[in-house]
């Protein structure tokens, strides 16, 4: 009789292992305690798998299956499972998942209607009204709510850049955003101000140096140039089309090889021949000699005014 019971346990655990593997395969290697029980595993079975290295704890009641290393998608799943049924990616994590910001946040932010608490690496929010849609297989707050929540902690510049990226990706619905703005809701005031100063061309900047140059021009009252556009067959960093002025920005580490220097000189020669004078500013000048750069840009624009 004991042999039969032992055989039954072995068969049950093998069946549970197959089912758990299927679930974990759909969830980037992660599953919850409840899902393990649904697979037919008992409390003792979960403890057995943990002691044997088949389960690795990520959060309480949330495990990596088979090995401890999981991709970022698995970490997102783990955070959602920890936060409970109906949880969604939100705030800076949602902004990153929508690709409104480039850098993945240092910790994962989710919103939930459960009583789940924040844990290391995961911040759980408990909004009065939970909003949800799906994007790239994950539950996430809609873009308008994402922007409001993001604006609650981000700087005005970061919010403006996120707005520009939403515009570039055709995700910007101004009326929907205005509908998400509520008196007293964190982020509403900053997001409303960002909307009033919205500059879609910020989204075309493809380096931090280009963004800082645009912000410098804006702060000085200089009309913003087009960025990363093609002129006479060459892509240029910034262009004032009416004055035909081209500005090239040299970041640290770029334009130092012989091949790159030769290419830059060839590019400048062709642009000047086509009637587009070129001015170059280094990263050190944009960051450390801002008054001189502004004065130089203004002088060039005045000189080239048609």
C-alpha atoms as a PDB file:
ATOM      1  CA  UNK A   1       0.000   0.000   0.000  1.00  0.00           C
ATOM      2  CA  UNK A   2       2.740   2.556   0.804  1.00  0.00           C
ATOM      3  CA  UNK A   3       4.374   1.740  -2.541  1.00  0.00           C
ATOM      4  CA  UNK A   4       1.119   2.531  -4.338  1.00  0.00           C
ATOM      5  CA  UNK A   5       0.807   5.855  -2.491  1.00  0.00           C
ATOM      6  CA  UNK A   6       4.387   6.744  -3.312  1.00  0.00           C
ATOM      7  CA  UNK A   7       3.839   5.892  -6.973  1.00  0.00           C
ATOM      8  CA  UNK A   8       0.726   8.015  -7.029  1.00  0.00           C
ATOM      9  CA  UNK A   9       2.622  10.975  -5.627  1.00  0.00           C
ATOM     10  CA  UNK A  10       5.357  10.568  -8.232  1.00  0.00           C
ATOM     11  CA  UNK A  11       2.806  10.405 -11.058  1.00  0.00           C
ATOM     12  CA  UNK A  12       0.928  13.419  -9.662  1.00  0.00           C
ATOM     13  CA  UNK A  13       4.098  15.475  -9.392  1.00  0.00           C
ATOM     14  CA  UNK A  14       5.176  14.545 -12.911  1.00  0.00           C
ATOM     15  CA  UNK A  15       1.791  15.629 -14.221  1.00  0.00           C
ATOM     16  CA  UNK A  16       2.029  18.821 -12.161  1.00  0.00           C
ATOM     17  CA  UNK A  17       5.527  19.440 -13.546  1.00  0.00           C
ATOM     18  CA  UNK A  18       4.258  19.246 -17.127  1.00  0.00           C
ATOM     19  CA  UNK A  19       1.355  21.613 -16.413  1.00  0.00           C
ATOM     20  CA  UNK A  20       3.568  24.028 -14.475  1.00  0.00           C
ATOM     21  CA  UNK A  21       6.084  24.035 -17.297  1.00  0.00           C
ATOM     22  CA  UNK A  22       3.355  24.940 -19.792  1.00  0.00           C
ATOM     23  CA  UNK A  23       2.144  27.855 -17.653  1.00  0.00           C
ATOM     24  CA  UNK A  24       5.674  29.073 -16.954  1.00  0.00           C
ATOM     25  CA  UNK A  25       6.429  28.853 -20.667  1.00  0.00           C
ATOM     26  CA  UNK A  26       3.623  31.316 -21.367  1.00  0.00           C
ATOM     27  CA  UNK A  27       4.736  33.593 -18.514  1.00  0.00           C
ATOM     28  CA  UNK A  28       8.457  33.918 -19.233  1.00  0.00           C
ATOM     29  CA  UNK A  29       9.423  31.304 -16.651  1.00  0.00           C
ATOM     30  CA  UNK A  30       7.315  32.602 -13.758  1.00  0.00           C
ATOM     31  CA  UNK A  31       4.244  31.296 -11.943  1.00  0.00           C
ATOM     32  CA  UNK A  32       2.431  31.787  -8.664  1.00  0.00           C
ATOM     33  CA  UNK A  33       1.698  29.567  -5.681  1.00  0.00           C
ATOM     34  CA  UNK A  34      -1.973  29.480  -6.647  1.00  0.00           C
ATOM     35  CA  UNK A  35      -1.102  28.341 -10.161  1.00  0.00           C
ATOM     36  CA  UNK A  36       1.071  25.565  -8.735  1.00  0.00           C
ATOM     37  CA  UNK A  37      -1.862  24.341  -6.661  1.00  0.00           C
ATOM     38  CA  UNK A  38      -4.075  24.494  -9.764  1.00  0.00           C
ATOM     39  CA  UNK A  39      -1.551  22.199 -11.447  1.00  0.00           C
ATOM     40  CA  UNK A  40      -2.269  19.600  -8.767  1.00  0.00           C
ATOM     41  CA  UNK A  41       0.694  20.258  -6.497  1.00  0.00           C
ATOM     42  CA  UNK A  42       0.224  20.175  -2.716  1.00  0.00           C
ATOM     43  CA  UNK A  43       1.834  22.378  -0.072  1.00  0.00           C
ATOM     44  CA  UNK A  44       4.340  19.603   0.556  1.00  0.00           C
ATOM     45  CA  UNK A  45       4.985  19.371  -3.181  1.00  0.00           C
ATOM     46  CA  UNK A  46       5.752  23.092  -3.413  1.00  0.00           C
ATOM     47  CA  UNK A  47       8.148  22.766  -0.474  1.00  0.00           C
ATOM     48  CA  UNK A  48       9.767  19.729  -2.131  1.00  0.00           C
ATOM     49  CA  UNK A  49      10.291  21.588  -5.385  1.00  0.00           C
ATOM     50  CA  UNK A  50      11.715  24.595  -3.562  1.00  0.00           C
ATOM     51  CA  UNK A  51      14.201  22.519  -1.575  1.00  0.00           C
ATOM     52  CA  UNK A  52      15.165  20.657  -4.738  1.00  0.00           C
ATOM     53  CA  UNK A  53      15.897  23.851  -6.687  1.00  0.00           C
ATOM     54  CA  UNK A  54      12.979  23.505  -9.089  1.00  0.00           C
ATOM     55  CA  UNK A  55      11.359  26.677  -7.737  1.00  0.00           C
ATOM     56  CA  UNK A  56      13.207  29.905  -6.965  1.00  0.00           C
ATOM     57  CA  UNK A  57      11.452  32.565  -4.906  1.00  0.00           C
ATOM     58  CA  UNK A  58      11.053  35.950  -6.596  1.00  0.00           C
ATOM     59  CA  UNK A  59       8.411  37.361  -4.247  1.00  0.00           C
ATOM     60  CA  UNK A  60       6.380  35.648  -1.567  1.00  0.00           C
ATOM     61  CA  UNK A  61       4.186  33.141  -3.395  1.00  0.00           C
ATOM     62  CA  UNK A  62       5.786  33.916  -6.790  1.00  0.00           C
ATOM     63  CA  UNK A  63       8.459  31.678  -8.267  1.00  0.00           C
ATOM     64  CA  UNK A  64      10.813  31.245 -11.184  1.00  0.00           C
ATOM     65  CA  UNK A  65      10.384  27.727 -12.558  1.00  0.00           C
ATOM     66  CA  UNK A  66      13.451  25.624 -13.276  1.00  0.00           C
ATOM     67  CA  UNK A  67      16.095  28.308 -12.909  1.00  0.00           C
ATOM     68  CA  UNK A  68      16.546  31.592 -11.067  1.00  0.00           C
ATOM     69  CA  UNK A  69      17.277  33.798 -14.075  1.00  0.00           C
ATOM     70  CA  UNK A  70      14.239  35.338 -15.788  1.00  0.00           C
ATOM     71  CA  UNK A  71      14.024  38.054 -18.473  1.00  0.00           C
ATOM     72  CA  UNK A  72      12.523  41.468 -17.831  1.00  0.00           C
ATOM     73  CA  UNK A  73       9.153  40.179 -19.041  1.00  0.00           C
ATOM     74  CA  UNK A  74       9.312  37.533 -16.324  1.00  0.00           C
ATOM     75  CA  UNK A  75      10.011  40.200 -13.728  1.00  0.00           C
ATOM     76  CA  UNK A  76       6.947  42.109 -14.933  1.00  0.00           C
ATOM     77  CA  UNK A  77       4.828  38.957 -14.657  1.00  0.00           C
ATOM     78  CA  UNK A  78       6.190  38.348 -11.146  1.00  0.00           C
ATOM     79  CA  UNK A  79       5.268  41.891 -10.083  1.00  0.00           C
ATOM     80  CA  UNK A  80       1.742  41.513 -11.470  1.00  0.00           C
ATOM     81  CA  UNK A  81       1.257  38.135  -9.783  1.00  0.00           C
ATOM     82  CA  UNK A  82       2.473  39.603  -6.498  1.00  0.00           C
ATOM     83  CA  UNK A  83       0.033  42.520  -6.807  1.00  0.00           C
ATOM     84  CA  UNK A  84      -2.931  40.190  -7.301  1.00  0.00           C
ATOM     85  CA  UNK A  85      -5.723  39.610  -9.843  1.00  0.00           C
ATOM     86  CA  UNK A  86      -6.459  42.583 -12.084  1.00  0.00           C
ATOM     87  CA  UNK A  87      -3.117  44.290 -11.466  1.00  0.00           C
ATOM     88  CA  UNK A  88      -1.672  46.391 -14.309  1.00  0.00           C
ATOM     89  CA  UNK A  89       1.671  47.952 -15.194  1.00  0.00           C
ATOM     90  CA  UNK A  90       1.505  51.652 -14.342  1.00  0.00           C
ATOM     91  CA  UNK A  91       3.398  54.894 -13.778  1.00  0.00           C
ATOM     92  CA  UNK A  92       7.021  54.864 -15.030  1.00  0.00           C
ATOM     93  CA  UNK A  93       6.877  51.160 -15.910  1.00  0.00           C
ATOM     94  CA  UNK A  94       3.825  51.711 -18.097  1.00  0.00           C
ATOM     95  CA  UNK A  95       5.513  54.729 -19.732  1.00  0.00           C
ATOM     96  CA  UNK A  96       8.507  52.518 -20.530  1.00  0.00           C
ATOM     97  CA  UNK A  97       6.324  49.652 -21.784  1.00  0.00           C
ATOM     98  CA  UNK A  98       4.492  52.065 -24.115  1.00  0.00           C
ATOM     99  CA  UNK A  99       8.002  53.222 -25.239  1.00  0.00           C
ATOM    100  CA  UNK A 100       7.348  56.793 -24.126  1.00  0.00           C
ATOM    101  CA  UNK A 101      10.645  56.779 -22.212  1.00  0.00           C
ATOM    102  CA  UNK A 102      13.871  55.017 -23.157  1.00  0.00           C
ATOM    103  CA  UNK A 103      15.297  53.897 -19.833  1.00  0.00           C
ATOM    104  CA  UNK A 104      13.745  51.020 -17.923  1.00  0.00           C
ATOM    105  CA  UNK A 105      12.853  52.188 -14.391  1.00  0.00           C
ATOM    106  CA  UNK A 106      14.987  51.002 -11.479  1.00  0.00           C
ATOM    107  CA  UNK A 107      11.941  49.318  -9.959  1.00  0.00           C
ATOM    108  CA  UNK A 108       8.672  48.001 -11.361  1.00  0.00           C
ATOM    109  CA  UNK A 109       5.481  49.970 -10.700  1.00  0.00           C
ATOM    110  CA  UNK A 110       2.060  48.332 -10.799  1.00  0.00           C
ATOM    111  CA  UNK A 111      -1.446  49.370  -9.771  1.00  0.00           C
ATOM    112  CA  UNK A 112      -3.831  46.997  -8.048  1.00  0.00           C
ATOM    113  CA  UNK A 113      -7.184  46.878  -6.285  1.00  0.00           C
ATOM    114  CA  UNK A 114      -5.848  44.261  -3.851  1.00  0.00           C
ATOM    115  CA  UNK A 115      -4.150  44.927  -0.543  1.00  0.00           C
ATOM    116  CA  UNK A 116      -0.755  43.811  -1.804  1.00  0.00           C
ATOM    117  CA  UNK A 117       2.095  45.839  -0.352  1.00  0.00           C
ATOM    118  CA  UNK A 118       5.227  47.092  -2.052  1.00  0.00           C
ATOM    119  CA  UNK A 119       8.266  44.815  -1.829  1.00  0.00           C
ATOM    120  CA  UNK A 120      11.902  45.310  -2.855  1.00  0.00           C
ATOM    121  CA  UNK A 121      11.965  45.974  -6.584  1.00  0.00           C
ATOM    122  CA  UNK A 122       8.194  46.444  -6.881  1.00  0.00           C
ATOM    123  CA  UNK A 123       6.104  49.477  -5.954  1.00  0.00           C
ATOM    124  CA  UNK A 124       2.377  48.774  -5.689  1.00  0.00           C
ATOM    125  CA  UNK A 125      -0.084  51.653  -6.108  1.00  0.00           C
ATOM    126  CA  UNK A 126      -3.716  51.506  -5.043  1.00  0.00           C
ATOM    127  CA  UNK A 127      -5.658  54.039  -7.133  1.00  0.00           C
ATOM    128  CA  UNK A 128      -9.299  54.736  -6.458  1.00  0.00           C
ATOM    129  CA  UNK A 129     -10.176  53.763 -10.034  1.00  0.00           C
ATOM    130  CA  UNK A 130      -8.145  51.130 -11.846  1.00  0.00           C
ATOM    131  CA  UNK A 131      -7.842  51.604 -15.618  1.00  0.00           C
ATOM    132  CA  UNK A 132      -6.603  48.841 -17.880  1.00  0.00           C
ATOM    133  CA  UNK A 133      -5.878  48.028 -21.496  1.00  0.00           C
ATOM    134  CA  UNK A 134      -3.465  45.534 -23.069  1.00  0.00           C
ATOM    135  CA  UNK A 135      -0.279  46.336 -24.946  1.00  0.00           C
ATOM    136  CA  UNK A 136       2.342  43.857 -26.128  1.00  0.00           C
ATOM    137  CA  UNK A 137       0.666  41.038 -24.172  1.00  0.00           C
ATOM    138  CA  UNK A 138       0.627  42.860 -20.822  1.00  0.00           C
ATOM    139  CA  UNK A 139      -2.147  44.610 -18.868  1.00  0.00           C
ATOM    140  CA  UNK A 140      -1.170  48.260 -18.636  1.00  0.00           C
ATOM    141  CA  UNK A 141      -2.769  51.608 -17.885  1.00  0.00           C
ATOM    142  CA  UNK A 142      -3.984  53.452 -21.024  1.00  0.00           C
ATOM    143  CA  UNK A 143      -1.659  56.134 -22.396  1.00  0.00           C
ATOM    144  CA  UNK A 144      -3.582  59.136 -20.956  1.00  0.00           C
ATOM    145  CA  UNK A 145      -3.595  57.664 -17.441  1.00  0.00           C
ATOM    146  CA  UNK A 146       0.009  56.530 -17.859  1.00  0.00           C
ATOM    147  CA  UNK A 147       1.088  60.082 -18.675  1.00  0.00           C
ATOM    148  CA  UNK A 148      -0.772  61.519 -15.673  1.00  0.00           C
ATOM    149  CA  UNK A 149       0.764  58.982 -13.304  1.00  0.00           C
ATOM    150  CA  UNK A 150       4.221  59.439 -14.847  1.00  0.00           C
ATOM    151  CA  UNK A 151       3.955  63.227 -14.497  1.00  0.00           C
ATOM    152  CA  UNK A 152       3.396  62.892 -10.750  1.00  0.00           C
ATOM    153  CA  UNK A 153       7.092  62.079 -10.194  1.00  0.00           C
ATOM    154  CA  UNK A 154       8.889  63.032 -13.420  1.00  0.00           C
ATOM    155  CA  UNK A 155      10.382  66.434 -14.199  1.00  0.00           C
ATOM    156  CA  UNK A 156       8.639  68.805 -16.591  1.00  0.00           C
ATOM    157  CA  UNK A 157      11.284  68.107 -19.239  1.00  0.00           C
ATOM    158  CA  UNK A 158      10.790  64.351 -18.889  1.00  0.00           C
ATOM    159  CA  UNK A 159       7.021  64.768 -19.237  1.00  0.00           C
ATOM    160  CA  UNK A 160       7.412  66.926 -22.332  1.00  0.00           C
ATOM    161  CA  UNK A 161       9.713  64.357 -23.915  1.00  0.00           C
ATOM    162  CA  UNK A 162       7.227  61.575 -23.106  1.00  0.00           C
ATOM    163  CA  UNK A 163       4.457  63.629 -24.732  1.00  0.00           C
ATOM    164  CA  UNK A 164       6.601  64.156 -27.807  1.00  0.00           C
ATOM    165  CA  UNK A 165       7.313  60.430 -28.014  1.00  0.00           C
ATOM    166  CA  UNK A 166       3.600  59.648 -27.697  1.00  0.00           C
ATOM    167  CA  UNK A 167       2.943  62.084 -30.541  1.00  0.00           C
ATOM    168  CA  UNK A 168       5.685  60.505 -32.650  1.00  0.00           C
ATOM    169  CA  UNK A 169       4.223  57.022 -32.060  1.00  0.00           C
ATOM    170  CA  UNK A 170       0.689  58.256 -32.844  1.00  0.00           C
ATOM    171  CA  UNK A 171      -0.466  57.509 -29.317  1.00  0.00           C
ATOM    172  CA  UNK A 172      -1.248  61.097 -28.366  1.00  0.00           C
ATOM    173  CA  UNK A 173      -4.947  61.844 -27.886  1.00  0.00           C
ATOM    174  CA  UNK A 174      -5.106  65.351 -26.447  1.00  0.00           C
ATOM    175  CA  UNK A 175      -8.828  65.185 -25.651  1.00  0.00           C
ATOM    176  CA  UNK A 176      -8.387  61.872 -23.830  1.00  0.00           C
ATOM    177  CA  UNK A 177      -5.471  63.301 -21.854  1.00  0.00           C
ATOM    178  CA  UNK A 178      -7.455  66.382 -20.920  1.00  0.00           C
ATOM    179  CA  UNK A 179     -10.233  64.056 -19.753  1.00  0.00           C
ATOM    180  CA  UNK A 180      -7.764  62.257 -17.481  1.00  0.00           C
ATOM    181  CA  UNK A 181      -6.681  65.494 -15.800  1.00  0.00           C
ATOM    182  CA  UNK A 182      -8.488  65.965 -12.505  1.00  0.00           C
ATOM    183  CA  UNK A 183      -8.093  68.588  -9.773  1.00  0.00           C
ATOM    184  CA  UNK A 184      -6.100  67.067  -6.963  1.00  0.00           C
ATOM    185  CA  UNK A 185      -4.873  64.078  -9.019  1.00  0.00           C
ATOM    186  CA  UNK A 186      -1.070  63.929  -8.750  1.00  0.00           C
ATOM    187  CA  UNK A 187       0.575  64.812 -12.040  1.00  0.00           C
ATOM    188  CA  UNK A 188      -2.382  66.690 -13.521  1.00  0.00           C
ATOM    189  CA  UNK A 189      -0.932  70.187 -13.120  1.00  0.00           C
ATOM    190  CA  UNK A 190       2.470  69.270 -14.542  1.00  0.00           C
ATOM    191  CA  UNK A 191       0.964  67.343 -17.459  1.00  0.00           C
ATOM    192  CA  UNK A 192      -1.396  70.222 -18.310  1.00  0.00           C
ATOM    193  CA  UNK A 193       1.550  72.632 -18.361  1.00  0.00           C
ATOM    194  CA  UNK A 194       3.530  70.205 -20.520  1.00  0.00           C
ATOM    195  CA  UNK A 195       0.633  70.005 -22.969  1.00  0.00           C
ATOM    196  CA  UNK A 196       0.606  73.784 -23.275  1.00  0.00           C
ATOM    197  CA  UNK A 197       4.320  73.709 -24.194  1.00  0.00           C
ATOM    198  CA  UNK A 198       4.177  70.567 -26.324  1.00  0.00           C
ATOM    199  CA  UNK A 199       6.855  70.332 -29.041  1.00  0.00           C
ATOM    200  CA  UNK A 200       6.398  67.258 -31.297  1.00  0.00           C
ATOM    201  CA  UNK A 201       9.851  67.725 -32.842  1.00  0.00           C
ATOM    202  CA  UNK A 202      11.482  66.746 -29.534  1.00  0.00           C
ATOM    203  CA  UNK A 203      10.601  63.167 -30.480  1.00  0.00           C
ATOM    204  CA  UNK A 204      12.847  63.371 -33.550  1.00  0.00           C
ATOM    205  CA  UNK A 205      15.891  64.047 -31.391  1.00  0.00           C
ATOM    206  CA  UNK A 206      17.835  60.830 -31.161  1.00  0.00           C
ATOM    207  CA  UNK A 207      20.478  61.694 -28.588  1.00  0.00           C
ATOM    208  CA  UNK A 208      20.534  63.406 -25.184  1.00  0.00           C
ATOM    209  CA  UNK A 209      22.843  66.075 -26.651  1.00  0.00           C
ATOM    210  CA  UNK A 210      20.283  66.940 -29.340  1.00  0.00           C
ATOM    211  CA  UNK A 211      17.567  67.246 -26.705  1.00  0.00           C
ATOM    212  CA  UNK A 212      19.727  69.518 -24.563  1.00  0.00           C
ATOM    213  CA  UNK A 213      20.481  71.684 -27.593  1.00  0.00           C
ATOM    214  CA  UNK A 214      16.751  72.032 -28.369  1.00  0.00           C
ATOM    215  CA  UNK A 215      16.011  72.929 -24.748  1.00  0.00           C
ATOM    216  CA  UNK A 216      18.807  75.511 -24.832  1.00  0.00           C
ATOM    217  CA  UNK A 217      17.343  77.094 -27.977  1.00  0.00           C
ATOM    218  CA  UNK A 218      13.881  77.113 -26.464  1.00  0.00           C
ATOM    219  CA  UNK A 219      15.059  78.698 -23.211  1.00  0.00           C
ATOM    220  CA  UNK A 220      16.791  81.438 -25.223  1.00  0.00           C
ATOM    221  CA  UNK A 221      13.703  82.135 -27.316  1.00  0.00           C
ATOM    222  CA  UNK A 222      15.295  80.841 -30.505  1.00  0.00           C
ATOM    223  CA  UNK A 223      12.796  79.249 -32.919  1.00  0.00           C
ATOM    224  CA  UNK A 224      13.363  75.507 -32.770  1.00  0.00           C
ATOM    225  CA  UNK A 225      15.074  73.937 -35.768  1.00  0.00           C
ATOM    226  CA  UNK A 226      14.069  70.772 -37.559  1.00  0.00           C
ATOM    227  CA  UNK A 227      16.105  67.848 -36.295  1.00  0.00           C
ATOM    228  CA  UNK A 228      17.474  64.762 -38.004  1.00  0.00           C
ATOM    229  CA  UNK A 229      16.277  65.734 -41.469  1.00  0.00           C
ATOM    230  CA  UNK A 230      17.958  65.163 -44.826  1.00  0.00           C
ATOM    231  CA  UNK A 231      19.515  68.062 -46.686  1.00  0.00           C
ATOM    232  CA  UNK A 232      21.222  67.687 -50.065  1.00  0.00           C
ATOM    233  CA  UNK A 233      21.412  63.941 -49.500  1.00  0.00           C
ATOM    234  CA  UNK A 234      22.840  64.155 -45.976  1.00  0.00           C
ATOM    235  CA  UNK A 235      21.120  63.764 -42.597  1.00  0.00           C
ATOM    236  CA  UNK A 236      21.852  66.750 -40.380  1.00  0.00           C
ATOM    237  CA  UNK A 237      21.378  67.216 -36.654  1.00  0.00           C
ATOM    238  CA  UNK A 238      19.571  70.565 -36.835  1.00  0.00           C
ATOM    239  CA  UNK A 239      18.302  72.762 -39.648  1.00  0.00           C
ATOM    240  CA  UNK A 240      16.816  76.244 -39.786  1.00  0.00           C
ATOM    241  CA  UNK A 241      15.367  75.830 -43.258  1.00  0.00           C
ATOM    242  CA  UNK A 242      14.462  79.453 -43.978  1.00  0.00           C
ATOM    243  CA  UNK A 243      17.977  80.652 -43.137  1.00  0.00           C
ATOM    244  CA  UNK A 244      19.478  77.422 -44.584  1.00  0.00           C
ATOM    245  CA  UNK A 245      21.642  77.072 -41.468  1.00  0.00           C
ATOM    246  CA  UNK A 246      22.830  73.598 -40.457  1.00  0.00           C
ATOM    247  CA  UNK A 247      24.122  72.799 -36.969  1.00  0.00           C
ATOM    248  CA  UNK A 248      26.033  69.603 -36.259  1.00  0.00           C
ATOM    249  CA  UNK A 249      26.499  68.442 -32.666  1.00  0.00           C
ATOM    250  CA  UNK A 250      29.573  66.473 -31.622  1.00  0.00           C
ATOM    251  CA  UNK A 251      29.061  64.253 -28.598  1.00  0.00           C
ATOM    252  CA  UNK A 252      31.998  62.960 -26.564  1.00  0.00           C
ATOM    253  CA  UNK A 253      33.492  59.904 -28.206  1.00  0.00           C
ATOM    254  CA  UNK A 254      32.085  60.663 -31.662  1.00  0.00           C
ATOM    255  CA  UNK A 255      33.810  62.126 -34.703  1.00  0.00           C
ATOM    256  CA  UNK A 256      37.280  61.231 -33.423  1.00  0.00           C
ATOM    257  CA  UNK A 257      38.307  58.532 -35.863  1.00  0.00           C
ATOM    258  CA  UNK A 258      40.057  59.475 -39.074  1.00  0.00           C
ATOM    259  CA  UNK A 259      37.247  57.958 -41.166  1.00  0.00           C
ATOM    260  CA  UNK A 260      34.611  59.922 -39.247  1.00  0.00           C
ATOM    261  CA  UNK A 261      36.554  63.178 -39.514  1.00  0.00           C
ATOM    262  CA  UNK A 262      36.961  62.649 -43.263  1.00  0.00           C
ATOM    263  CA  UNK A 263      33.244  61.925 -43.608  1.00  0.00           C
ATOM    264  CA  UNK A 264      32.307  65.054 -41.613  1.00  0.00           C
ATOM    265  CA  UNK A 265      34.527  67.254 -43.780  1.00  0.00           C
ATOM    266  CA  UNK A 266      33.115  65.738 -46.977  1.00  0.00           C
ATOM    267  CA  UNK A 267      29.595  66.277 -45.665  1.00  0.00           C
ATOM    268  CA  UNK A 268      30.283  69.933 -44.789  1.00  0.00           C
ATOM    269  CA  UNK A 269      31.803  70.568 -48.220  1.00  0.00           C
ATOM    270  CA  UNK A 270      28.747  69.140 -50.004  1.00  0.00           C
ATOM    271  CA  UNK A 271      26.335  71.073 -47.792  1.00  0.00           C
ATOM    272  CA  UNK A 272      28.151  74.382 -48.311  1.00  0.00           C
ATOM    273  CA  UNK A 273      28.199  73.733 -52.057  1.00  0.00           C
ATOM    274  CA  UNK A 274      24.419  73.221 -51.878  1.00  0.00           C
ATOM    275  CA  UNK A 275      24.034  76.567 -50.069  1.00  0.00           C
ATOM    276  CA  UNK A 276      23.798  75.317 -46.465  1.00  0.00           C
ATOM    277  CA  UNK A 277      26.553  76.715 -44.203  1.00  0.00           C
ATOM    278  CA  UNK A 278      27.454  74.345 -41.348  1.00  0.00           C
ATOM    279  CA  UNK A 279      28.261  75.237 -37.733  1.00  0.00           C
ATOM    280  CA  UNK A 280      29.558  72.645 -35.264  1.00  0.00           C
ATOM    281  CA  UNK A 281      29.186  72.686 -31.477  1.00  0.00           C
ATOM    282  CA  UNK A 282      30.765  70.186 -29.113  1.00  0.00           C
ATOM    283  CA  UNK A 283      29.050  68.632 -26.124  1.00  0.00           C
ATOM    284  CA  UNK A 284      31.279  70.693 -23.839  1.00  0.00           C
ATOM    285  CA  UNK A 285      30.160  73.908 -25.562  1.00  0.00           C
ATOM    286  CA  UNK A 286      26.430  73.038 -25.395  1.00  0.00           C
ATOM    287  CA  UNK A 287      26.710  72.148 -21.702  1.00  0.00           C
ATOM    288  CA  UNK A 288      29.390  74.556 -20.473  1.00  0.00           C
ATOM    289  CA  UNK A 289      29.370  77.559 -22.807  1.00  0.00           C
ATOM    290  CA  UNK A 290      25.656  78.048 -23.275  1.00  0.00           C
ATOM    291  CA  UNK A 291      25.739  81.864 -23.445  1.00  0.00           C
ATOM    292  CA  UNK A 292      28.346  81.741 -26.208  1.00  0.00           C
ATOM    293  CA  UNK A 293      26.455  79.080 -28.150  1.00  0.00           C
ATOM    294  CA  UNK A 294      23.185  81.013 -27.950  1.00  0.00           C
ATOM    295  CA  UNK A 295      24.896  84.231 -29.069  1.00  0.00           C
ATOM    296  CA  UNK A 296      26.560  82.429 -31.967  1.00  0.00           C
ATOM    297  CA  UNK A 297      23.326  80.787 -33.162  1.00  0.00           C
ATOM    298  CA  UNK A 298      21.472  84.103 -32.995  1.00  0.00           C
ATOM    299  CA  UNK A 299      24.248  85.879 -34.909  1.00  0.00           C
ATOM    300  CA  UNK A 300      24.285  83.219 -37.624  1.00  0.00           C
ATOM    301  CA  UNK A 301      20.509  83.292 -38.009  1.00  0.00           C
ATOM    302  CA  UNK A 302      20.499  87.076 -38.251  1.00  0.00           C
ATOM    303  CA  UNK A 303      23.325  86.998 -40.774  1.00  0.00           C
ATOM    304  CA  UNK A 304      21.518  84.432 -42.942  1.00  0.00           C
ATOM    305  CA  UNK A 305      18.037  85.954 -42.636  1.00  0.00           C
ATOM    306  CA  UNK A 306      16.657  86.184 -46.195  1.00  0.00           C
END
